[in-house]
Amino acid sequence: MINPHLTTGEIEVLAEALVILNKAEVPPLEVDDRVDASEDMRLQYRYLDLRRPKVAGALQLRHRIVSSVRDFFNQGGFLDIETPILCRSTPEGARDYLVPSRVHPGKFYALPQSPQLYKQSLMISGLDRYYQIAKCFRDEDLRADRQPEFTQIDVEMSFVDSDDVLSVMEHLMAKLWKEVLGVDLHLPFPRYTFQDVMETYGTDKPDLRYGLKLVDVTSLVKSCSFQVFSSNDVRMLRVPGGGKFSRNDVDGLIAFAQQQGAKGLAWMKSENGTLTGSITKYFSPEELIALRAAAPADDGQGSVAQGYASPGDASDAGVSAGVKDGDLLLFMAGPDSRKNCTYLGKVRQRVAEMLGLIPVVTNEKETSWNFSWTTDFPLFEYSEEENRYMAMHHPFTSPMLEDMHLLDEQPGKVRSKAYDLILNGNELGGGSIRIHERAVQQRMFRALGISDAQAQEKFGFLLEALTYGAPPHGGIAFGLDRLCTLMGGYTSIRDVIAFPKTKTAESLMDGSPGAVDDAQLKELHIGLSAEAKAAKAAMQAKK
């Protein structure tokens, strides 16, 4: 009988003998793509879950992507070089995973958060083109789609500027999309400065499958009698067709904005050629006309959603500026323009979801690939919690030469030679041109509050290496797990990892992390706190 579900379903075999290689118990979950099981069950019996064609297919896709990446760099003269897994713990990053040293009591290795310092050392050594499929580790607060260990496509090159790095990476993406998905990408990808995307989209990771641009209307409302507007920075978002939103919908957006940290969200609707709403009484007719005219050309229907097109230009094609009847205007006001843009940017994304502008991808391949580069990031961001400046990317990112004079006295105004590759609102990867002079690196450390003595203790080897003719160099790292997830149309990075951890960084299959016996701890010169001992005893009691 023909079995249409098998590729060999039309073949019949006449058996002369039957040998049982191994008896199989009834599995705790069905090995069938059509049958659902809980994620915990699937992770506990991952070796059975991997028998599913859909699950195995994700790993096959990952293999094809990695093979294509290796082929690209090998043909380009890059060397695949492994860097150490046991490293030294350094400041300015997330929490490290620490590994105690048995032979050096009281000292610890750290698992690498990235191969950053090693790949820079390779550039200083004269190996001018490096890549690695690198395993990295970060002991950070977990989110739904974050893993404690992850994989990077790590790249570094000497004697390059930002344009060189971006061009090489664009050709890598073009090769991947063509070979793996059969999709032709248009190069080069559009580039936007950090300031531009923050003011236009309210995020440094803009989803360009739809329009919905923010507008600075501060100058238009500074004379109105609504003090919240007249005395603050004010940003506006036009929602085409948003007039159909109910009062509950609008109240929901206000509550959402407040959850993000905003104090509120003001609104107006366009009806019968005029603006209506409780706050319109504070504006003159001329001011209301100016607000209507200030709205950008934007159909809000994501007209760049088919294929690749330059964001902004394509979404605005053939659409006149100005508010139309049936539109909704949303306003964010406050003293901090960056925060206003950020809050309204989050509202923008929520509005896009409400309007159905964001494709819902559930194991179906995306048809819209809107790439862009975000460049010219601030070198520092101020941490109110720590009351000091922090490196926005990392302490080895080069400042813009024209901003170098601001580094010591006005670090918040310094721009960096950093860049991120964005796809449909997701950060695929990020990198920068690095500091290659010792004096500049020391100034960078001082700006971060790292004393010369601390810098020498933590980064002395790098500072010395920079004195021996370090070439200009730069690079980038892509999250391989995220890349595979987006290319395959999966909903979670766990779908493309053979043996992923749970949201609480546990492996349900092998039970890690697990307790170790006292003898092992003694060898490592480690003692457990009373709290840890109690937790260990409770865990053993459960068994």
Protein backbone atom coordinates (compact mmCIF):
# COMPACT_ATOMS: atom_id res chain seq x y z
CA MET A 1 0.00 0.00 0.00
CA ILE A 2 1.35 3.44 -0.93
CA ASN A 3 2.19 5.71 2.03
CA PRO A 4 2.06 9.32 0.79
CA HIS A 5 3.72 10.58 3.98
CA LEU A 6 7.07 8.90 3.20
CA THR A 7 9.51 9.67 0.39
CA THR A 8 9.91 5.91 -0.04
CA GLY A 9 6.18 5.30 0.29
CA GLU A 10 5.88 3.71 -3.16
CA ILE A 11 8.56 1.11 -2.49
CA GLU A 12 7.72 -2.31 -1.07
CA VAL A 13 10.41 -4.53 0.40
CA LEU A 14 10.14 -8.29 0.63
CA ALA A 15 11.88 -9.17 3.90
CA GLU A 16 13.81 -12.42 4.23
CA ALA A 17 14.70 -11.83 7.88
CA LEU A 18 13.95 -9.32 10.65
CA VAL A 19 16.50 -8.40 13.30
CA ILE A 20 15.52 -6.13 16.20
CA LEU A 21 18.43 -3.78 16.80
CA ASN A 22 16.93 -2.22 19.92
CA LYS A 23 13.57 -2.30 21.63
CA ALA A 24 11.78 1.06 21.90
CA GLU A 25 9.42 2.07 24.66
CA VAL A 26 6.37 4.19 23.89
CA PRO A 27 7.82 7.73 23.68
CA PRO A 28 6.47 10.40 26.07
CA LEU A 29 5.76 12.68 23.10
CA GLU A 30 4.72 11.93 19.56
CA VAL A 31 7.35 12.41 16.90
CA ASP A 32 5.01 14.22 14.55
CA ASP A 33 4.95 17.85 13.46
CA ARG A 34 1.17 17.80 13.58
CA VAL A 35 1.06 16.99 17.31
CA ASP A 36 1.86 19.71 19.85
CA ALA A 37 3.61 19.14 23.16
CA SER A 38 4.51 21.57 25.94
CA GLU A 39 7.86 23.30 25.57
CA ASP A 40 9.09 21.85 28.87
CA MET A 41 8.25 18.34 27.66
CA ARG A 42 9.99 18.98 24.36
CA LEU A 43 13.13 20.28 26.09
CA GLN A 44 13.18 17.43 28.60
CA TYR A 45 13.07 14.90 25.76
CA ARG A 46 14.96 17.00 23.26
CA TYR A 47 16.54 13.93 21.63
CA LEU A 48 13.01 12.80 20.72
CA ASP A 49 11.86 16.28 19.76
CA LEU A 50 14.76 16.49 17.30
CA ARG A 51 13.26 13.57 15.39
CA ARG A 52 10.49 15.87 14.24
CA PRO A 53 11.14 16.98 10.64
CA LYS A 54 10.33 20.60 11.49
CA VAL A 55 12.73 20.68 14.43
CA ALA A 56 15.48 18.85 12.58
CA GLY A 57 14.92 21.19 9.66
CA ALA A 58 15.89 24.17 11.82
CA LEU A 59 19.29 22.62 12.50
CA GLN A 60 19.71 21.78 8.83
CA LEU A 61 19.00 25.43 8.02
CA ARG A 62 21.56 26.51 10.62
CA HIS A 63 24.14 24.20 9.04
CA ARG A 64 23.51 25.70 5.60
CA ILE A 65 23.86 29.23 6.97
CA VAL A 66 27.12 28.43 8.79
CA SER A 67 28.51 26.64 5.72
CA SER A 68 27.71 29.65 3.54
CA VAL A 69 29.31 32.02 6.07
CA ARG A 70 32.50 29.95 6.18
CA ASP A 71 32.62 29.75 2.40
CA PHE A 72 32.24 33.53 2.08
CA PHE A 73 35.07 34.36 4.48
CA ASN A 74 37.37 31.57 3.29
CA GLN A 75 37.07 32.84 -0.27
CA GLY A 76 37.76 36.37 0.97
CA GLY A 77 41.10 35.44 2.50
CA PHE A 78 39.94 35.46 6.13
CA LEU A 79 41.44 33.06 8.64
CA ASP A 80 39.19 31.01 10.92
CA ILE A 81 41.02 31.31 14.24
CA GLU A 82 39.86 29.97 17.60
CA THR A 83 40.26 32.19 20.63
CA PRO A 84 40.37 31.10 24.29
CA ILE A 85 37.29 30.04 26.22
CA LEU A 86 38.99 30.51 29.59
CA CYS A 87 39.67 34.25 29.85
CA ARG A 88 40.17 36.99 32.39
CA SER A 89 37.16 38.76 33.85
CA THR A 90 37.03 42.40 32.77
CA PRO A 91 34.76 45.29 33.78
CA GLU A 92 32.23 47.19 31.67
CA GLY A 93 30.22 44.22 30.43
CA ALA A 94 27.42 42.00 31.68
CA ARG A 95 28.07 39.59 34.53
CA ASP A 96 30.65 36.94 33.71
CA TYR A 97 30.33 33.22 34.14
CA LEU A 98 33.24 32.47 36.44
CA VAL A 99 35.37 29.31 36.49
CA PRO A 100 37.47 28.73 39.63
CA SER A 101 41.11 27.75 39.22
CA ARG A 102 42.20 24.72 41.22
CA VAL A 103 45.91 25.43 40.81
CA HIS A 104 45.56 29.15 41.59
CA PRO A 105 43.45 29.30 44.77
CA GLY A 106 41.16 32.30 44.95
CA LYS A 107 41.52 33.12 41.27
CA PHE A 108 38.95 32.68 38.54
CA TYR A 109 38.71 32.47 34.80
CA ALA A 110 35.73 33.99 33.02
CA LEU A 111 33.92 32.52 30.05
CA PRO A 112 34.11 35.02 27.16
CA GLN A 113 31.26 37.43 26.53
CA SER A 114 32.93 37.99 23.16
CA PRO A 115 36.40 37.43 21.70
CA GLN A 116 36.87 41.22 21.53
CA LEU A 117 40.34 41.66 23.00
CA TYR A 118 41.70 38.51 21.38
CA LYS A 119 40.59 39.49 17.89
CA GLN A 120 42.09 42.95 18.36
CA SER A 121 45.31 41.25 19.43
CA LEU A 122 45.23 39.23 16.21
CA MET A 123 45.03 42.46 14.21
CA ILE A 124 48.03 43.84 16.10
CA SER A 125 49.89 40.60 15.32
CA GLY A 126 49.53 41.16 11.58
CA LEU A 127 46.82 38.57 10.87
CA ASP A 128 44.67 41.14 9.17
CA ARG A 129 41.50 39.16 8.33
CA TYR A 130 39.90 37.03 11.03
CA TYR A 131 36.58 35.32 11.51
CA GLN A 132 35.22 32.76 13.93
CA ILE A 133 31.94 31.04 14.72
CA ALA A 134 32.40 31.89 18.38
CA LYS A 135 30.62 30.59 21.46
CA CYS A 136 29.93 33.38 23.97
CA PHE A 137 28.49 33.50 27.49
CA ARG A 138 26.70 36.15 29.55
CA ASP A 139 25.27 35.74 33.03
CA GLU A 140 22.58 38.37 32.64
CA ASP A 141 18.95 38.71 33.58
CA LEU A 142 17.03 36.38 31.32
CA ARG A 143 14.29 37.37 28.93
CA ALA A 144 11.94 35.17 27.00
CA ASP A 145 14.25 34.99 24.00
CA ARG A 146 17.71 35.09 25.57
CA GLN A 147 20.17 32.28 26.20
CA PRO A 148 23.09 32.23 28.68
CA GLU A 149 25.30 30.81 25.93
CA PHE A 150 25.02 31.96 22.36
CA THR A 151 26.94 31.90 19.10
CA GLN A 152 28.41 34.83 17.18
CA ILE A 153 29.72 35.23 13.66
CA ASP A 154 32.76 37.22 14.76
CA VAL A 155 34.79 39.27 12.27
CA GLU A 156 37.76 41.66 12.41
CA MET A 157 39.81 43.40 9.69
CA SER A 158 42.85 45.67 9.61
CA PHE A 159 43.36 48.87 7.60
CA VAL A 160 39.62 49.43 7.11
CA ASP A 161 37.13 52.19 7.77
CA SER A 162 33.42 51.87 8.51
CA ASP A 163 32.46 51.86 4.83
CA ASP A 164 34.75 48.88 4.18
CA VAL A 165 33.24 46.82 6.99
CA LEU A 166 29.67 47.66 6.02
CA SER A 167 30.28 46.79 2.37
CA VAL A 168 31.80 43.39 3.17
CA MET A 169 28.95 42.52 5.52
CA GLU A 170 26.31 43.55 2.99
CA HIS A 171 27.82 41.14 0.48
CA LEU A 172 27.78 38.42 3.16
CA MET A 173 24.06 39.01 3.72
CA ALA A 174 23.42 38.99 -0.04
CA LYS A 175 25.20 35.65 -0.37
CA LEU A 176 23.27 34.13 2.56
CA TRP A 177 19.87 35.26 1.34
CA LYS A 178 20.59 34.10 -2.21
CA GLU A 179 22.05 30.70 -1.35
CA VAL A 180 19.81 29.81 1.57
CA LEU A 181 16.50 31.51 0.71
CA GLY A 182 16.81 32.19 -3.01
CA VAL A 183 16.20 35.91 -2.42
CA ASP A 184 18.09 38.72 -4.16
CA LEU A 185 18.85 41.65 -1.87
CA HIS A 186 19.41 45.15 -3.22
CA LEU A 187 22.76 46.63 -2.19
CA PRO A 188 23.86 48.85 -0.60
CA PHE A 189 21.57 48.89 2.42
CA PRO A 190 20.34 52.34 3.49
CA ARG A 191 22.30 54.02 6.28
CA TYR A 192 20.87 56.29 8.95
CA THR A 193 22.58 58.02 11.82
CA PHE A 194 21.54 57.24 15.38
CA GLN A 195 20.11 60.73 15.73
CA ASP A 196 18.07 60.37 12.55
CA VAL A 197 16.43 57.06 13.46
CA MET A 198 15.77 58.12 17.05
CA GLU A 199 14.01 61.30 15.92
CA THR A 200 12.15 59.62 13.06
CA TYR A 201 11.26 56.22 14.52
CA GLY A 202 11.99 56.51 18.25
CA THR A 203 14.40 53.56 18.23
CA ASP A 204 17.87 52.69 16.98
CA LYS A 205 16.38 49.46 15.60
CA PRO A 206 13.67 50.75 13.25
CA ASP A 207 11.23 48.34 11.63
CA LEU A 208 11.04 49.77 8.13
CA ARG A 209 8.31 47.49 6.85
CA TYR A 210 5.91 50.32 7.63
CA GLY A 211 6.05 54.11 7.88
CA LEU A 212 4.52 55.90 10.89
CA LYS A 213 7.20 58.55 11.34
CA LEU A 214 7.57 60.85 14.33
CA VAL A 215 7.58 64.62 13.86
CA ASP A 216 9.11 67.34 16.02
CA VAL A 217 6.33 69.91 16.51
CA THR A 218 7.94 71.78 19.42
CA SER A 219 8.24 75.04 17.50
CA LEU A 220 4.61 74.84 16.34
CA VAL A 221 3.13 74.65 19.84
CA LYS A 222 5.46 76.85 21.89
CA SER A 223 2.90 79.68 21.92
CA CYS A 224 -0.16 77.59 22.76
CA SER A 225 -1.87 77.91 26.15
CA PHE A 226 -1.39 74.22 26.97
CA GLN A 227 1.61 74.47 29.30
CA VAL A 228 2.51 70.79 28.99
CA PHE A 229 3.24 71.53 25.32
CA SER A 230 4.44 75.14 25.41
CA SER A 231 7.18 74.50 27.99
CA ASN A 232 8.47 71.15 26.72
CA ASP A 233 9.83 69.25 23.75
CA VAL A 234 6.84 67.80 21.82
CA ARG A 235 6.78 64.92 19.33
CA MET A 236 3.83 63.88 17.18
CA LEU A 237 2.83 60.59 15.55
CA ARG A 238 0.20 60.54 12.83
CA VAL A 239 -1.83 57.31 12.73
CA PRO A 240 -3.53 57.03 9.33
CA GLY A 241 -7.06 55.77 9.86
CA GLY A 242 -6.53 55.83 13.62
CA GLY A 243 -9.73 57.79 14.06
CA LYS A 244 -11.52 54.46 14.01
CA PHE A 245 -9.86 53.54 17.31
CA SER A 246 -12.35 53.43 20.16
CA ARG A 247 -11.88 55.42 23.35
CA ASN A 248 -10.83 52.18 25.01
CA ASP A 249 -8.19 51.70 22.31
CA VAL A 250 -6.83 55.20 22.88
CA ASP A 251 -6.92 54.76 26.66
CA GLY A 252 -5.01 51.52 26.15
CA LEU A 253 -2.31 53.38 24.24
CA ILE A 254 -2.09 55.97 27.02
CA ALA A 255 -1.71 53.22 29.62
CA PHE A 256 0.91 51.51 27.45
CA ALA A 257 2.92 54.74 27.17
CA GLN A 258 2.81 55.16 30.94
CA GLN A 259 4.04 51.59 31.39
CA GLN A 260 7.08 52.52 29.30
CA GLY A 261 7.84 55.42 31.66
CA ALA A 262 6.00 58.31 30.00
CA LYS A 263 3.80 60.60 32.08
CA GLY A 264 1.03 60.44 29.53
CA LEU A 265 0.01 60.60 25.89
CA ALA A 266 -2.13 63.36 24.36
CA TRP A 267 -4.26 62.92 21.27
CA MET A 268 -6.41 64.63 18.64
CA LYS A 269 -8.59 63.25 15.85
CA SER A 270 -9.22 64.70 12.42
CA GLU A 271 -12.91 64.99 11.58
CA ASN A 272 -14.66 67.08 8.93
CA GLY A 273 -11.52 69.01 8.10
CA THR A 274 -10.69 70.01 11.67
CA LEU A 275 -8.95 68.57 14.73
CA THR A 276 -11.05 67.47 17.70
CA GLY A 277 -10.23 66.35 21.22
CA SER A 278 -10.13 67.68 24.74
CA ILE A 279 -6.84 69.56 24.29
CA THR A 280 -7.71 71.40 21.04
CA LYS A 281 -9.23 74.26 23.05
CA TYR A 282 -5.71 75.31 24.03
CA PHE A 283 -4.66 75.94 20.42
CA SER A 284 -5.46 78.74 18.01
CA PRO A 285 -6.97 77.88 14.61
CA GLU A 286 -3.61 78.73 13.03
CA GLU A 287 -1.78 76.33 15.35
CA LEU A 288 -4.22 73.51 14.57
CA ILE A 289 -3.78 74.11 10.85
CA ALA A 290 0.01 74.00 11.32
CA LEU A 291 -0.25 70.68 13.17
CA ARG A 292 -2.39 69.21 10.39
CA ALA A 293 0.14 70.30 7.78
CA ALA A 294 3.13 69.02 9.79
CA ALA A 295 2.18 65.35 9.50
CA PRO A 296 4.56 63.57 7.11
CA ALA A 297 3.54 61.81 3.93
CA ASP A 298 2.93 58.33 5.23
CA ASP A 299 0.22 55.90 4.16
CA GLY A 300 0.83 53.71 7.21
CA GLN A 301 0.09 50.61 5.18
CA GLY A 302 3.64 49.34 4.96
CA SER A 303 3.93 49.70 1.20
CA VAL A 304 7.56 48.59 1.40
CA ALA A 305 6.36 45.23 2.66
CA GLN A 306 6.80 43.48 -0.68
CA GLY A 307 10.45 43.00 -1.43
CA TYR A 308 13.23 45.41 -0.56
CA ALA A 309 12.97 49.14 -0.99
CA SER A 310 14.59 52.18 0.50
CA PRO A 311 12.72 52.88 3.71
CA GLY A 312 10.91 56.17 3.93
CA ASP A 313 10.98 56.92 0.21
CA ALA A 314 9.04 53.80 -0.74
CA SER A 315 6.55 53.98 2.10
CA ASP A 316 5.81 57.61 1.26
CA ALA A 317 5.56 57.16 -2.51
CA GLY A 318 2.57 58.89 -4.03
CA VAL A 319 1.13 59.96 -0.69
CA SER A 320 0.68 63.64 0.07
CA ALA A 321 1.64 65.12 3.39
CA GLY A 322 -0.82 66.42 5.95
CA VAL A 323 -3.51 65.00 8.18
CA LYS A 324 -6.54 63.40 6.53
CA ASP A 325 -10.01 62.99 7.97
CA GLY A 326 -10.11 59.79 9.97
CA ASP A 327 -6.51 60.16 11.18
CA LEU A 328 -5.38 60.12 14.81
CA LEU A 329 -2.58 62.34 16.13
CA LEU A 330 -0.64 61.20 19.19
CA PHE A 331 1.62 63.56 21.14
CA MET A 332 4.46 62.97 23.60
CA ALA A 333 5.69 65.95 25.63
CA GLY A 334 8.47 66.31 28.18
CA PRO A 335 11.78 68.05 28.86
CA ASP A 336 13.94 65.24 27.44
CA SER A 337 13.68 64.91 23.66
CA ARG A 338 15.43 61.52 23.61
CA LYS A 339 12.97 60.07 26.09
CA ASN A 340 10.02 61.57 24.22
CA CYS A 341 11.16 59.92 21.01
CA THR A 342 11.81 56.61 22.76
CA TYR A 343 8.40 56.50 24.43
CA LEU A 344 6.57 57.51 21.25
CA GLY A 345 8.65 55.00 19.30
CA LYS A 346 7.29 52.23 21.49
CA VAL A 347 3.78 53.56 20.93
CA ARG A 348 4.53 53.55 17.19
CA GLN A 349 5.25 49.84 17.30
CA ARG A 350 2.10 49.14 19.32
CA VAL A 351 0.05 51.14 16.80
CA ALA A 352 1.58 49.17 13.92
CA GLU A 353 0.48 45.96 15.63
CA MET A 354 -3.05 47.34 16.08
CA LEU A 355 -3.20 48.32 12.40
CA GLY A 356 -1.91 44.92 11.30
CA LEU A 357 1.20 46.38 9.67
CA ILE A 358 3.60 43.86 11.24
CA PRO A 359 3.44 40.44 9.59
CA VAL A 360 2.77 37.63 12.04
CA VAL A 361 5.41 35.02 11.23
CA THR A 362 4.78 31.56 12.65
CA ASN A 363 7.23 29.16 11.06
CA GLU A 364 6.47 30.76 7.72
CA LYS A 365 9.22 32.50 5.87
CA GLU A 366 9.15 36.29 5.87
CA THR A 367 8.63 37.94 2.48
CA SER A 368 9.80 41.41 3.48
CA TRP A 369 13.49 41.95 4.17
CA ASN A 370 14.08 45.57 5.14
CA PHE A 371 17.73 45.97 6.06
CA SER A 372 19.33 49.19 7.26
CA TRP A 373 22.44 50.36 9.06
CA THR A 374 22.34 52.58 12.13
CA THR A 375 25.59 54.55 12.43
CA ASP A 376 27.22 57.35 14.43
CA PHE A 377 26.05 56.16 17.84
CA PRO A 378 26.93 58.21 20.91
CA LEU A 379 30.18 56.93 22.37
CA PHE A 380 28.71 57.05 25.89
CA GLU A 381 25.35 56.84 27.59
CA TYR A 382 24.78 58.20 31.06
CA SER A 383 23.71 55.77 33.77
CA GLU A 384 21.56 57.51 36.36
CA GLU A 385 21.76 54.38 38.50
CA GLU A 386 25.57 54.43 38.63
CA ASN A 387 25.86 58.21 38.24
CA ARG A 388 28.49 57.96 35.53
CA TYR A 389 28.99 57.53 31.82
CA MET A 390 28.98 54.02 30.37
CA ALA A 391 30.24 52.87 26.99
CA MET A 392 27.22 52.52 24.68
CA HIS A 393 28.92 49.63 22.87
CA HIS A 394 32.21 48.80 24.60
CA PRO A 395 35.31 50.68 25.82
CA PHE A 396 37.33 49.86 22.70
CA THR A 397 35.10 51.72 20.22
CA SER A 398 36.81 54.59 18.43
CA PRO A 399 35.44 58.12 18.82
CA MET A 400 34.80 60.24 15.74
CA LEU A 401 37.99 62.18 15.04
CA GLU A 402 36.09 65.46 14.78
CA ASP A 403 34.65 64.88 18.30
CA MET A 404 37.94 63.90 19.94
CA HIS A 405 38.34 67.32 21.58
CA LEU A 406 35.13 66.69 23.55
CA LEU A 407 36.24 63.38 25.03
CA ASP A 408 37.63 64.69 28.32
CA GLU A 409 35.23 67.53 29.17
CA GLN A 410 31.97 66.74 27.31
CA PRO A 411 31.89 62.97 26.78
CA GLY A 412 28.11 62.92 26.31
CA LYS A 413 28.51 64.81 23.02
CA VAL A 414 31.07 62.45 21.49
CA ARG A 415 29.93 60.30 18.58
CA SER A 416 31.46 56.91 17.87
CA LYS A 417 32.49 54.94 14.81
CA ALA A 418 29.95 52.26 15.72
CA TYR A 419 27.33 50.66 13.52
CA ASP A 420 24.49 48.14 13.85
CA LEU A 421 22.83 46.09 11.12
CA ILE A 422 19.04 46.11 11.51
CA LEU A 423 16.50 43.80 9.88
CA ASN A 424 12.77 44.36 10.36
CA GLY A 425 13.27 45.96 13.77
CA ASN A 426 15.79 43.36 14.97
CA GLU A 427 19.46 43.99 15.60
CA LEU A 428 21.33 41.36 13.58
CA GLY A 429 24.76 42.50 14.66
CA GLY A 430 26.91 45.38 15.72
CA GLY A 431 30.48 46.52 15.51
CA SER A 432 32.81 49.47 15.29
CA ILE A 433 36.15 50.80 14.24
CA ARG A 434 38.41 50.24 17.26
CA ILE A 435 40.79 52.49 19.14
CA HIS A 436 44.31 51.68 17.92
CA GLU A 437 46.34 54.25 19.89
CA ARG A 438 47.28 53.80 23.53
CA ALA A 439 46.80 57.46 24.46
CA VAL A 440 43.25 57.50 23.10
CA GLN A 441 42.43 54.21 24.83
CA GLN A 442 43.64 55.61 28.15
CA ARG A 443 41.49 58.72 27.68
CA MET A 444 38.53 56.45 26.99
CA PHE A 445 39.12 54.52 30.21
CA ARG A 446 39.38 57.74 32.21
CA ALA A 447 36.11 59.01 30.75
CA LEU A 448 34.51 55.78 32.00
CA GLY A 449 35.85 56.34 35.51
CA ILE A 450 38.55 53.67 35.17
CA SER A 451 41.75 54.94 36.75
CA ASP A 452 45.12 54.44 35.08
CA ALA A 453 46.00 51.88 37.75
CA GLN A 454 42.76 49.95 37.21
CA ALA A 455 43.23 50.08 33.44
CA GLN A 456 46.75 48.74 33.79
CA GLU A 457 45.55 45.91 36.04
CA LYS A 458 42.64 44.85 33.82
CA PHE A 459 43.83 45.81 30.33
CA GLY A 460 47.59 46.23 30.69
CA PHE A 461 48.36 43.69 27.96
CA LEU A 462 46.16 45.57 25.47
CA LEU A 463 47.61 48.97 26.35
CA GLU A 464 51.11 47.63 25.84
CA ALA A 465 50.15 45.92 22.58
CA LEU A 466 48.83 49.22 21.24
CA THR A 467 52.33 50.72 21.58
CA TYR A 468 53.84 48.32 19.04
CA GLY A 469 52.42 49.72 15.83
CA ALA A 470 48.79 48.62 16.07
CA PRO A 471 47.07 49.16 12.71
CA PRO A 472 43.68 50.85 12.31
CA HIS A 473 41.15 48.03 12.54
CA GLY A 474 37.47 47.31 12.97
CA GLY A 475 34.95 44.54 12.89
CA ILE A 476 31.51 43.30 13.71
CA ALA A 477 29.70 40.38 15.32
CA PHE A 478 26.38 38.88 14.26
CA GLY A 479 24.16 36.80 16.50
CA LEU A 480 23.99 33.49 14.65
CA ASP A 481 20.99 32.27 16.66
CA ARG A 482 18.97 35.41 15.85
CA LEU A 483 20.03 35.26 12.20
CA CYS A 484 18.85 31.65 11.85
CA THR A 485 15.58 32.46 13.62
CA LEU A 486 14.75 35.33 11.27
CA MET A 487 15.83 33.55 8.10
CA GLY A 488 13.82 30.47 9.00
CA GLY A 489 10.73 32.33 10.19
CA TYR A 490 10.91 30.79 13.66
CA THR A 491 9.41 32.40 16.74
CA SER A 492 12.26 31.82 19.21
CA ILE A 493 16.02 31.36 19.11
CA ARG A 494 15.44 28.14 21.06
CA ASP A 495 13.98 26.71 17.84
CA VAL A 496 17.37 26.90 16.09
CA ILE A 497 19.59 25.66 18.94
CA ALA A 498 20.10 21.92 19.29
CA PHE A 499 20.01 21.85 23.10
CA PRO A 500 18.70 25.20 24.39
CA LYS A 501 18.26 26.31 27.97
CA THR A 502 14.93 27.39 29.44
CA LYS A 503 13.97 30.94 30.38
CA THR A 504 15.59 30.26 33.76
CA ALA A 505 18.88 29.08 32.19
CA GLU A 506 18.26 25.41 32.96
CA SER A 507 18.67 22.34 30.79
CA LEU A 508 15.69 20.10 31.44
CA MET A 509 17.29 17.23 29.55
CA ASP A 510 20.50 16.82 31.56
CA GLY A 511 19.54 18.73 34.70
CA SER A 512 22.17 21.45 34.53
CA PRO A 513 23.06 23.45 36.48
CA GLY A 514 23.50 20.84 39.17
CA ALA A 515 25.02 20.53 42.61
CA VAL A 516 28.57 19.25 43.03
CA ASP A 517 29.90 17.33 45.98
CA ASP A 518 31.88 18.86 48.82
CA ALA A 519 35.12 17.19 47.71
CA GLN A 520 35.02 19.00 44.38
CA LEU A 521 34.39 22.31 46.12
CA LYS A 522 37.25 21.69 48.52
CA GLU A 523 39.64 21.05 45.64
CA LEU A 524 38.63 24.39 44.21
CA HIS A 525 39.04 26.15 47.58
CA ILE A 526 35.38 27.20 47.52
CA GLY A 527 32.89 27.26 50.38
CA LEU A 528 29.13 27.67 50.09
CA SER A 529 27.18 30.34 51.93
CA ALA A 530 24.48 29.26 54.37
CA GLU A 531 21.85 30.26 51.83
CA ALA A 532 23.48 28.17 49.10
CA LYS A 533 23.83 25.19 51.44
CA ALA A 534 20.13 25.38 52.30
CA ALA A 535 19.20 25.52 48.62
CA LYS A 536 21.44 22.54 47.89
CA ALA A 537 19.91 20.53 50.73
CA ALA A 538 16.39 21.36 49.55
CA MET A 539 17.24 20.23 46.03
CA GLN A 540 18.69 16.95 47.26
CA ALA A 541 15.62 16.39 49.45
CA LYS A 542 13.37 16.65 46.38
CA LYS A 543 15.28 13.81 44.78
